[in-house]
């Protein structure tokens, strides 16, 4: 999900009976504010004050390509005028931005009544099925650029998600219901195409990379990581070839998210994909394990909205006010506190892999998971706190057992409610508080938020 600018049109609306010099000054300040937002690309600026200018603006924008609309109220406005333009763009996010009045030297407030205009149009937008956001400024208040920037960022995320593509090497690892997906719904509702690839091609493609490229990449991996124990060269070569195979597929198919079948997939070849996935994950690529398609969709959404790396964690143990969450050997490098540390570790009789055992960051997190119910998407969403994990291990790993990346998640809700509501064994997290941003995204996309 490489960041692209959001193409916006800015339509300032008011009424001819109000002082045009005052309204003009407000319009100028609004246009300057929008142009100052790095993610915004303004492709049109126009004003509607009466019937004639309403027709002009509608005609001006009809052939333009844009992603979002800002309707800036500088005074009361007759709603049907601006609706002549808006009615053709129900698929575009609309920001309704009301500008407050002004004071004279005596402190007297002059009210052009922009709030009358904004409160007149919002019910119409609701009734007609628009995707909207409202910002109403107080009299004399400086432009609320941060709120407008949020709108532009989330509108850009809508565009990014709608053109995204997921690549899965396999389907629903272990036959897990929570990893299954409705391909048609993903494309029709979100615009995300999900591709799946023949698992039998994996070892064939891994073997096709030239030895000099593999050796060079192996040296780079060892140079950028700290080794906890001796890393078997043969295992590192297998993981490196898997990484090169997945990276080539990602680049060739322009994938925004990628996952591979692990337990019933790669580990049957004698190693796990943890290190390969660590190397793949970055701000432009959401990565998760076990062919978890809805986890992938959640990752794409969260990275597009926040501009940050997302990562998945799995539930291990529940406590009175927290849950132990972590991953068995894979976190994105952006999630690492301290050294990027790897170690050889094995689970059972055949999985001799390389695990990322780096320490996981703590702090405020936003967590979410998209899921389907009755043919509709919902987003389980909240913010919580990631605390240091206790000393623990997942049963079954050979001694000395590896310390997996993990945290204690305080989910910001009653633990019983959390357990009964969370829609799967994986949740996706980003560091920081982005609940409002994700709620706005869901409003634009028609997705119900479950808190």
Protein backbone atom coordinates (compact mmCIF):
# COMPACT_ATOMS: atom_id res chain seq x y z
CA UNK A 1 0.00 0.00 0.00
CA UNK A 2 2.31 2.73 -1.21
CA UNK A 3 1.06 6.16 -0.18
CA UNK A 4 -0.54 8.17 -2.97
CA UNK A 5 -1.93 11.66 -2.77
CA UNK A 6 -5.68 12.02 -2.40
CA UNK A 7 -7.23 13.97 -5.26
CA UNK A 8 -9.81 16.37 -3.80
CA UNK A 9 -12.19 18.99 -5.10
CA UNK A 10 -13.01 21.91 -2.81
CA UNK A 11 -16.42 23.53 -3.22
CA UNK A 12 -17.02 26.57 -1.03
CA UNK A 13 -20.70 27.38 -0.55
CA UNK A 14 -22.55 30.35 0.90
CA UNK A 15 -25.17 32.89 -0.06
CA UNK A 16 -24.99 36.12 -2.06
CA UNK A 17 -26.83 38.12 0.61
CA UNK A 18 -23.92 37.89 3.07
CA UNK A 19 -20.82 40.16 2.95
CA UNK A 20 -18.82 38.74 0.09
CA UNK A 21 -15.52 40.19 1.31
CA UNK A 22 -15.83 38.28 4.59
CA UNK A 23 -16.91 35.10 2.87
CA UNK A 24 -14.11 35.48 0.34
CA UNK A 25 -11.52 35.78 3.10
CA UNK A 26 -12.86 32.60 4.72
CA UNK A 27 -12.76 30.78 1.38
CA UNK A 28 -9.16 31.85 0.80
CA UNK A 29 -8.11 30.61 4.23
CA UNK A 30 -9.82 27.26 3.64
CA UNK A 31 -8.16 26.75 0.27
CA UNK A 32 -4.77 27.64 1.71
CA UNK A 33 -5.30 25.17 4.56
CA UNK A 34 -6.21 22.30 2.24
CA UNK A 35 -3.25 23.00 -0.04
CA UNK A 36 -0.94 22.81 3.00
CA UNK A 37 -1.87 19.16 3.69
CA UNK A 38 0.89 16.94 2.26
CA UNK A 39 -1.45 14.09 1.25
CA UNK A 40 -3.88 16.39 -0.59
CA UNK A 41 -3.80 17.07 -4.31
CA UNK A 42 -6.35 19.77 -5.03
CA UNK A 43 -7.69 19.25 -8.56
CA UNK A 44 -10.49 21.85 -8.42
CA UNK A 45 -11.62 24.86 -6.38
CA UNK A 46 -15.00 26.48 -6.94
CA UNK A 47 -17.68 28.51 -5.19
CA UNK A 48 -21.48 28.41 -5.19
CA UNK A 49 -23.37 31.46 -3.98
CA UNK A 50 -26.47 31.33 -6.21
CA UNK A 51 -28.30 29.31 -8.85
CA UNK A 52 -26.02 30.17 -11.78
CA UNK A 53 -22.77 29.25 -10.03
CA UNK A 54 -24.34 25.95 -8.96
CA UNK A 55 -24.71 24.96 -12.62
CA UNK A 56 -21.17 26.13 -13.39
CA UNK A 57 -19.56 24.03 -10.65
CA UNK A 58 -21.56 20.94 -11.62
CA UNK A 59 -20.37 21.33 -15.19
CA UNK A 60 -16.76 22.08 -14.19
CA UNK A 61 -16.27 18.86 -12.23
CA UNK A 62 -18.21 16.38 -14.35
CA UNK A 63 -15.15 15.16 -16.27
CA UNK A 64 -12.61 15.37 -13.42
CA UNK A 65 -10.97 12.41 -11.71
CA UNK A 66 -10.95 12.78 -7.93
CA UNK A 67 -11.19 10.76 -4.73
CA UNK A 68 -13.00 12.99 -2.26
CA UNK A 69 -15.08 16.15 -1.98
CA UNK A 70 -14.76 18.99 0.53
CA UNK A 71 -17.90 21.12 0.83
CA UNK A 72 -16.91 24.22 2.74
CA UNK A 73 -19.79 26.21 4.26
CA UNK A 74 -18.84 29.85 4.85
CA UNK A 75 -22.45 30.88 5.46
CA UNK A 76 -25.98 29.61 5.11
CA UNK A 77 -26.47 27.91 1.75
CA UNK A 78 -29.51 26.69 -0.14
CA UNK A 79 -28.95 22.93 -0.07
CA UNK A 80 -30.32 22.06 -3.55
CA UNK A 81 -27.63 24.21 -5.19
CA UNK A 82 -24.64 22.16 -4.03
CA UNK A 83 -26.62 18.93 -4.34
CA UNK A 84 -26.64 19.36 -8.12
CA UNK A 85 -22.96 18.43 -7.96
CA UNK A 86 -22.96 16.00 -5.04
CA UNK A 87 -25.80 13.81 -6.30
CA UNK A 88 -23.53 12.36 -8.98
CA UNK A 89 -20.83 11.25 -6.53
CA UNK A 90 -22.39 9.11 -3.82
CA UNK A 91 -19.35 6.85 -3.99
CA UNK A 92 -17.00 9.67 -2.94
CA UNK A 93 -16.34 10.56 0.72
CA UNK A 94 -17.70 14.04 1.47
CA UNK A 95 -16.37 16.42 4.13
CA UNK A 96 -18.92 18.99 5.26
CA UNK A 97 -16.82 21.78 6.79
CA UNK A 98 -18.57 24.69 8.46
CA UNK A 99 -16.69 27.92 9.21
CA UNK A 100 -17.62 29.89 12.33
CA UNK A 101 -18.61 33.54 12.42
CA UNK A 102 -16.45 36.53 13.29
CA UNK A 103 -16.24 39.27 15.92
CA UNK A 104 -15.89 43.01 15.54
CA UNK A 105 -13.67 45.19 17.71
CA UNK A 106 -16.37 45.51 20.36
CA UNK A 107 -16.67 41.75 20.68
CA UNK A 108 -19.97 41.55 18.82
CA UNK A 109 -20.43 38.24 16.96
CA UNK A 110 -21.48 38.29 13.32
CA UNK A 111 -22.99 34.94 12.33
CA UNK A 112 -23.22 34.05 8.62
CA UNK A 113 -25.00 30.93 9.89
CA UNK A 114 -22.82 28.26 8.31
CA UNK A 115 -24.11 25.89 10.97
CA UNK A 116 -27.59 26.30 9.56
CA UNK A 117 -26.22 25.12 6.24
CA UNK A 118 -24.33 22.13 7.62
CA UNK A 119 -27.23 20.94 9.76
CA UNK A 120 -29.51 21.27 6.73
CA UNK A 121 -27.40 19.08 4.45
CA UNK A 122 -26.32 16.30 6.84
CA UNK A 123 -29.83 14.76 7.12
CA UNK A 124 -30.07 14.78 3.32
CA UNK A 125 -26.69 13.07 2.98
CA UNK A 126 -27.78 10.43 5.47
CA UNK A 127 -31.07 9.81 3.70
CA UNK A 128 -29.45 9.59 0.27
CA UNK A 129 -26.72 7.17 1.36
CA UNK A 130 -23.65 9.42 1.17
CA UNK A 131 -20.42 8.69 3.03
CA UNK A 132 -19.71 11.85 5.00
CA UNK A 133 -17.77 13.51 7.80
CA UNK A 134 -18.68 16.75 9.60
CA UNK A 135 -16.39 19.47 10.94
CA UNK A 136 -18.04 22.58 12.44
CA UNK A 137 -15.71 25.31 13.65
CA UNK A 138 -16.53 27.75 16.44
CA UNK A 139 -16.57 31.52 15.81
CA UNK A 140 -13.05 32.89 15.48
CA UNK A 141 -11.48 29.45 15.62
CA UNK A 142 -8.40 28.72 13.54
CA UNK A 143 -8.88 26.28 10.70
CA UNK A 144 -9.16 22.70 12.00
CA UNK A 145 -6.53 21.38 9.64
CA UNK A 146 -5.87 18.21 11.67
CA UNK A 147 -9.48 17.08 11.25
CA UNK A 148 -9.40 17.84 7.54
CA UNK A 149 -6.12 15.97 7.24
CA UNK A 150 -7.75 12.92 8.88
CA UNK A 151 -10.56 13.06 6.33
CA UNK A 152 -8.09 13.24 3.44
CA UNK A 153 -5.95 10.43 4.84
CA UNK A 154 -8.93 8.11 5.36
CA UNK A 155 -10.43 8.99 1.98
CA UNK A 156 -7.07 8.07 0.48
CA UNK A 157 -7.17 4.80 2.40
CA UNK A 158 -10.55 4.01 0.80
CA UNK A 159 -8.92 4.42 -2.60
CA UNK A 160 -5.90 2.35 -1.59
CA UNK A 161 -7.95 -0.53 -0.22
CA UNK A 162 -10.21 -0.63 -3.27
CA UNK A 163 -7.22 -1.25 -5.53
CA UNK A 164 -5.41 -3.72 -3.27
CA UNK A 165 -4.48 -7.30 -4.01
CA UNK A 166 -3.82 -10.22 -1.66
CA UNK A 167 -1.73 -13.26 -2.53
CA UNK A 168 -2.25 -16.53 -0.67
CA UNK A 169 0.00 -19.57 -1.00
CA UNK A 170 -2.68 -22.06 -0.01
CA UNK A 171 -6.11 -21.78 1.56
CA UNK A 172 -7.29 -21.76 5.18
CA UNK A 173 -4.38 -23.47 6.95
CA UNK A 174 -5.48 -26.42 9.11
CA UNK A 175 -8.95 -26.08 7.60
CA UNK A 176 -9.69 -23.28 10.08
CA UNK A 177 -13.08 -21.66 9.57
CA UNK A 178 -11.75 -18.27 10.70
CA UNK A 179 -9.17 -18.38 7.89
CA UNK A 180 -11.70 -19.14 5.16
CA UNK A 181 -13.09 -16.30 3.06
CA UNK A 182 -15.75 -15.18 0.61
CA UNK A 183 -13.81 -14.05 -2.46
CA UNK A 184 -16.82 -12.46 -4.13
CA UNK A 185 -17.72 -10.40 -1.05
CA UNK A 186 -14.12 -9.18 -0.67
CA UNK A 187 -14.13 -7.89 -4.22
CA UNK A 188 -17.66 -6.51 -4.34
CA UNK A 189 -17.59 -4.84 -0.92
CA UNK A 190 -13.95 -3.74 -0.61
CA UNK A 191 -12.61 -3.99 -4.15
CA UNK A 192 -9.82 -6.30 -2.94
CA UNK A 193 -8.84 -9.15 -5.24
CA UNK A 194 -7.64 -12.33 -3.53
CA UNK A 195 -5.35 -14.59 -5.54
CA UNK A 196 -4.29 -18.08 -4.50
CA UNK A 197 -1.30 -19.99 -5.83
CA UNK A 198 -0.56 -23.68 -6.30
CA UNK A 199 1.27 -24.93 -3.22
CA UNK A 200 3.00 -27.60 -5.28
CA UNK A 201 4.90 -24.85 -7.09
CA UNK A 202 6.55 -23.66 -3.86
CA UNK A 203 9.47 -26.15 -3.64
CA UNK A 204 9.95 -26.04 -7.42
CA UNK A 205 10.20 -22.26 -7.45
CA UNK A 206 12.41 -22.23 -4.34
CA UNK A 207 14.91 -24.47 -6.12
CA UNK A 208 15.05 -22.22 -9.19
CA UNK A 209 16.99 -19.32 -7.66
CA UNK A 210 20.71 -19.24 -8.49
CA UNK A 211 23.08 -20.21 -5.72
CA UNK A 212 25.00 -16.91 -5.83
CA UNK A 213 21.82 -14.89 -5.19
CA UNK A 214 20.83 -17.21 -2.34
CA UNK A 215 24.28 -17.04 -0.72
CA UNK A 216 24.34 -13.25 -1.03
CA UNK A 217 20.91 -12.96 0.60
CA UNK A 218 21.89 -15.36 3.40
CA UNK A 219 24.88 -13.17 4.24
CA UNK A 220 22.65 -10.09 4.30
CA UNK A 221 20.21 -11.80 6.67
CA UNK A 222 22.99 -12.76 9.07
CA UNK A 223 24.51 -9.28 8.88
CA UNK A 224 21.31 -7.49 9.84
CA UNK A 225 20.28 -9.89 12.60
CA UNK A 226 21.67 -11.08 15.91
CA UNK A 227 21.90 -14.87 16.17
CA UNK A 228 20.81 -16.32 19.52
CA UNK A 229 22.34 -19.71 18.71
CA UNK A 230 24.00 -21.41 15.79
CA UNK A 231 21.86 -21.16 12.66
CA UNK A 232 22.12 -24.30 10.49
CA UNK A 233 23.25 -23.29 7.02
CA UNK A 234 20.88 -25.71 5.28
CA UNK A 235 17.86 -24.38 7.15
CA UNK A 236 18.87 -20.78 6.47
CA UNK A 237 19.20 -21.62 2.79
CA UNK A 238 15.68 -23.09 2.70
CA UNK A 239 14.18 -20.06 4.48
CA UNK A 240 16.08 -17.71 2.18
CA UNK A 241 14.79 -19.47 -0.92
CA UNK A 242 11.24 -19.26 0.47
CA UNK A 243 11.71 -15.53 1.11
CA UNK A 244 12.99 -14.95 -2.43
CA UNK A 245 10.07 -16.91 -3.86
CA UNK A 246 7.45 -14.95 -1.90
CA UNK A 247 9.16 -11.63 -2.60
CA UNK A 248 9.28 -12.33 -6.34
CA UNK A 249 5.59 -13.20 -6.36
CA UNK A 250 4.76 -10.07 -4.36
CA UNK A 251 6.71 -7.85 -6.75
CA UNK A 252 5.51 -9.53 -9.95
CA UNK A 253 1.84 -9.50 -8.93
CA UNK A 254 2.00 -6.11 -7.16
CA UNK A 255 0.63 -7.62 -3.96
CA UNK A 256 -0.26 -5.48 -0.96
CA UNK A 257 -0.56 -8.45 1.39
CA UNK A 258 0.77 -12.00 1.35
CA UNK A 259 0.41 -15.15 3.43
CA UNK A 260 1.49 -18.77 3.20
CA UNK A 261 0.10 -21.98 4.62
CA UNK A 262 2.32 -22.86 7.57
CA UNK A 263 1.27 -25.81 9.76
CA UNK A 264 -0.23 -27.86 6.92
CA UNK A 265 2.04 -26.28 4.33
CA UNK A 266 5.65 -25.12 4.50
CA UNK A 267 6.45 -26.94 7.73
CA UNK A 268 5.82 -30.19 5.90
CA UNK A 269 9.00 -29.33 3.98
CA UNK A 270 10.90 -29.36 7.27
CA UNK A 271 11.06 -25.69 8.29
CA UNK A 272 8.78 -22.82 9.23
CA UNK A 273 8.18 -19.58 7.25
CA UNK A 274 8.64 -17.20 10.21
CA UNK A 275 11.90 -15.55 9.17
CA UNK A 276 10.83 -15.26 5.53
CA UNK A 277 7.66 -13.45 6.61
CA UNK A 278 9.61 -11.15 8.91
CA UNK A 279 11.75 -10.08 5.96
CA UNK A 280 8.70 -9.50 3.74
CA UNK A 281 6.68 -7.37 6.16
CA UNK A 282 6.95 -3.60 5.78
CA UNK A 283 4.69 -0.55 5.56
CA UNK A 284 3.75 -1.46 2.00
CA UNK A 285 3.18 -5.17 2.62
CA UNK A 286 0.86 -6.68 5.23
CA UNK A 287 1.96 -10.19 6.17
CA UNK A 288 0.22 -12.79 8.31
CA UNK A 289 0.49 -16.52 8.78
CA UNK A 290 -1.81 -19.49 8.09
CA UNK A 291 -3.51 -18.07 4.96
CA UNK A 292 -5.76 -15.94 7.18
CA UNK A 293 -7.55 -13.95 4.47
CA UNK A 294 -9.65 -11.75 6.78
CA UNK A 295 -6.55 -11.06 8.84
CA UNK A 296 -4.94 -9.95 5.57
CA UNK A 297 -7.88 -7.68 4.76
CA UNK A 298 -7.66 -6.18 8.24
CA UNK A 299 -3.93 -5.57 7.78
CA UNK A 300 -4.50 -3.82 4.44
CA UNK A 301 -7.17 -1.60 6.00
CA UNK A 302 -5.09 -0.70 9.05
CA UNK A 303 -1.93 0.05 7.08
CA UNK A 304 -3.81 2.12 4.51
CA UNK A 305 -5.58 4.16 7.20
CA UNK A 306 -2.64 4.67 9.57
CA UNK A 307 0.36 4.62 7.24
CA UNK A 308 2.02 2.32 9.78
CA UNK A 309 3.09 -1.31 9.77
CA UNK A 310 0.47 -3.72 11.07
CA UNK A 311 1.13 -7.12 12.56
CA UNK A 312 -0.85 -10.07 13.81
CA UNK A 313 -0.82 -11.71 17.22
CA UNK A 314 -2.50 -14.88 18.46
CA UNK A 315 -4.18 -15.54 21.80
CA UNK A 316 -2.36 -17.86 24.21
CA UNK A 317 -3.60 -17.38 27.78
CA UNK A 318 -6.23 -15.22 29.48
CA UNK A 319 -5.87 -13.44 32.83
CA UNK A 320 -8.17 -11.26 34.95
CA UNK A 321 -7.66 -8.06 32.97
CA UNK A 322 -5.38 -9.07 30.10
CA UNK A 323 -4.62 -11.72 27.52
CA UNK A 324 -1.22 -13.07 26.53
CA UNK A 325 -0.83 -12.49 22.79
CA UNK A 326 2.14 -13.24 20.60
CA UNK A 327 3.43 -15.11 17.58
CA UNK A 328 5.51 -18.26 17.28
CA UNK A 329 8.52 -16.70 15.66
CA UNK A 330 7.40 -13.82 13.43
CA UNK A 331 6.85 -10.11 13.96
CA UNK A 332 7.52 -7.25 11.54
CA UNK A 333 10.78 -5.47 12.16
CA UNK A 334 8.86 -2.27 13.00
CA UNK A 335 7.46 -4.11 16.05
CA UNK A 336 10.89 -4.99 17.44
CA UNK A 337 12.35 -3.33 20.52
CA UNK A 338 16.10 -3.67 20.51
CA UNK A 339 17.97 -6.19 18.39
CA UNK A 340 16.47 -8.17 15.52
CA UNK A 341 17.23 -11.60 17.00
CA UNK A 342 16.81 -14.99 15.36
CA UNK A 343 17.37 -18.52 16.62
CA UNK A 344 17.13 -22.06 15.39
CA UNK A 345 14.22 -23.87 17.05
CA UNK A 346 12.10 -26.90 16.32
CA UNK A 347 8.56 -28.03 17.11
CA UNK A 348 7.83 -31.73 16.94
CA UNK A 349 9.69 -34.15 14.75
CA UNK A 350 9.91 -32.33 11.42
CA UNK A 351 9.83 -28.54 11.88
CA UNK A 352 13.46 -27.41 12.14
CA UNK A 353 12.98 -23.72 11.39
CA UNK A 354 14.36 -20.31 12.26
CA UNK A 355 12.30 -18.13 14.55
CA UNK A 356 12.33 -14.39 15.09
CA UNK A 357 12.65 -14.18 18.89
CA UNK A 358 13.03 -10.41 19.13
CA UNK A 359 11.47 -8.49 21.98
CA UNK A 360 8.13 -6.93 21.08
CA UNK A 361 7.40 -3.24 21.74
CA UNK A 362 4.95 -2.19 24.43
CA UNK A 363 2.65 0.83 24.62
CA UNK A 364 -0.71 1.98 23.31
CA UNK A 365 -2.10 -0.14 20.49
CA UNK A 366 -5.15 -0.24 18.27
CA UNK A 367 -6.36 -3.74 17.51
CA UNK A 368 -8.98 -4.98 15.08
CA UNK A 369 -10.26 -7.89 13.03
CA UNK A 370 -12.55 -7.83 10.02
CA UNK A 371 -15.08 -10.65 9.81
CA UNK A 372 -18.12 -11.70 7.86
CA UNK A 373 -21.57 -12.44 9.21
CA UNK A 374 -24.73 -12.96 7.16
CA UNK A 375 -23.04 -11.68 4.01
CA UNK A 376 -21.86 -8.41 5.60
CA UNK A 377 -18.53 -7.25 6.96
CA UNK A 378 -18.04 -6.04 10.52
CA UNK A 379 -14.89 -4.72 12.18
CA UNK A 380 -14.10 -5.71 15.76
CA UNK A 381 -12.17 -2.66 16.96
CA UNK A 382 -10.78 -1.11 20.11
CA UNK A 383 -7.64 0.36 21.61
CA UNK A 384 -5.67 -1.22 24.40
CA UNK A 385 -2.31 -1.30 26.15
CA UNK A 386 0.52 -3.70 25.40
CA UNK A 387 2.46 -4.55 28.56
CA UNK A 388 5.63 -6.61 29.04
CA UNK A 389 5.01 -10.34 28.80
CA UNK A 390 5.73 -12.87 31.58
CA UNK A 391 8.32 -15.63 31.24
CA UNK A 392 6.53 -18.31 29.21
CA UNK A 393 6.79 -20.80 26.39
CA UNK A 394 4.43 -22.55 24.04
CA UNK A 395 4.20 -26.19 25.01
CA UNK A 396 5.69 -28.64 22.52
CA UNK A 397 8.82 -26.77 21.47
CA UNK A 398 12.09 -28.55 22.15
CA UNK A 399 14.24 -27.50 25.08
CA UNK A 400 15.71 -24.99 25.45
CA UNK A 401 12.43 -23.45 24.36
CA UNK A 402 12.41 -20.20 22.37
CA UNK A 403 11.10 -16.93 23.82
CA UNK A 404 8.52 -15.78 21.32
CA UNK A 405 7.61 -12.14 20.63
CA UNK A 406 4.63 -11.37 22.84
CA UNK A 407 2.92 -8.88 25.13
CA UNK A 408 0.16 -8.83 27.71
CA UNK A 409 -2.73 -7.02 26.03
CA UNK A 410 -5.09 -5.06 28.27
CA UNK A 411 -7.99 -4.79 25.81
CA UNK A 412 -9.88 -1.87 27.35
CA UNK A 413 -12.98 -3.97 28.01
CA UNK A 414 -14.22 -6.70 30.30
CA UNK A 415 -12.23 -9.86 29.62
CA UNK A 416 -15.28 -12.09 29.39
CA UNK A 417 -16.83 -9.73 26.84
CA UNK A 418 -13.56 -9.66 24.89
CA UNK A 419 -13.36 -13.44 24.70
CA UNK A 420 -16.98 -13.78 23.64
CA UNK A 421 -16.74 -11.03 21.00
CA UNK A 422 -13.30 -11.33 19.36
CA UNK A 423 -13.97 -12.98 15.97
CA UNK A 424 -10.96 -15.25 15.65
CA UNK A 425 -7.70 -16.48 17.10
CA UNK A 426 -5.73 -13.70 15.35
CA UNK A 427 -6.08 -9.97 15.87
CA UNK A 428 -4.21 -7.29 13.94
CA UNK A 429 -2.51 -4.44 15.79
CA UNK A 430 -0.82 -1.14 15.09
CA UNK A 431 0.96 1.00 17.65
CA UNK A 432 -0.91 4.18 18.60
CA UNK A 433 -4.56 5.23 18.86
CA UNK A 434 -6.29 5.10 15.46
CA UNK A 435 -9.79 4.12 16.54
CA UNK A 436 -11.45 7.30 15.21
CA UNK A 437 -9.65 6.98 11.89
CA UNK A 438 -10.76 3.37 11.47
CA UNK A 439 -14.31 4.23 12.51
CA UNK A 440 -14.36 6.90 9.82
CA UNK A 441 -13.03 4.42 7.25
CA UNK A 442 -15.80 2.00 8.17
CA UNK A 443 -18.41 4.74 7.79
CA UNK A 444 -17.12 5.49 4.30
CA UNK A 445 -17.13 1.77 3.39
CA UNK A 446 -20.45 0.84 5.01
CA UNK A 447 -18.87 -1.52 7.56
CA UNK A 448 -20.38 -1.88 11.03
CA UNK A 449 -17.94 -1.32 13.89
CA UNK A 450 -18.21 -3.70 16.84
CA UNK A 451 -16.66 -2.31 20.02
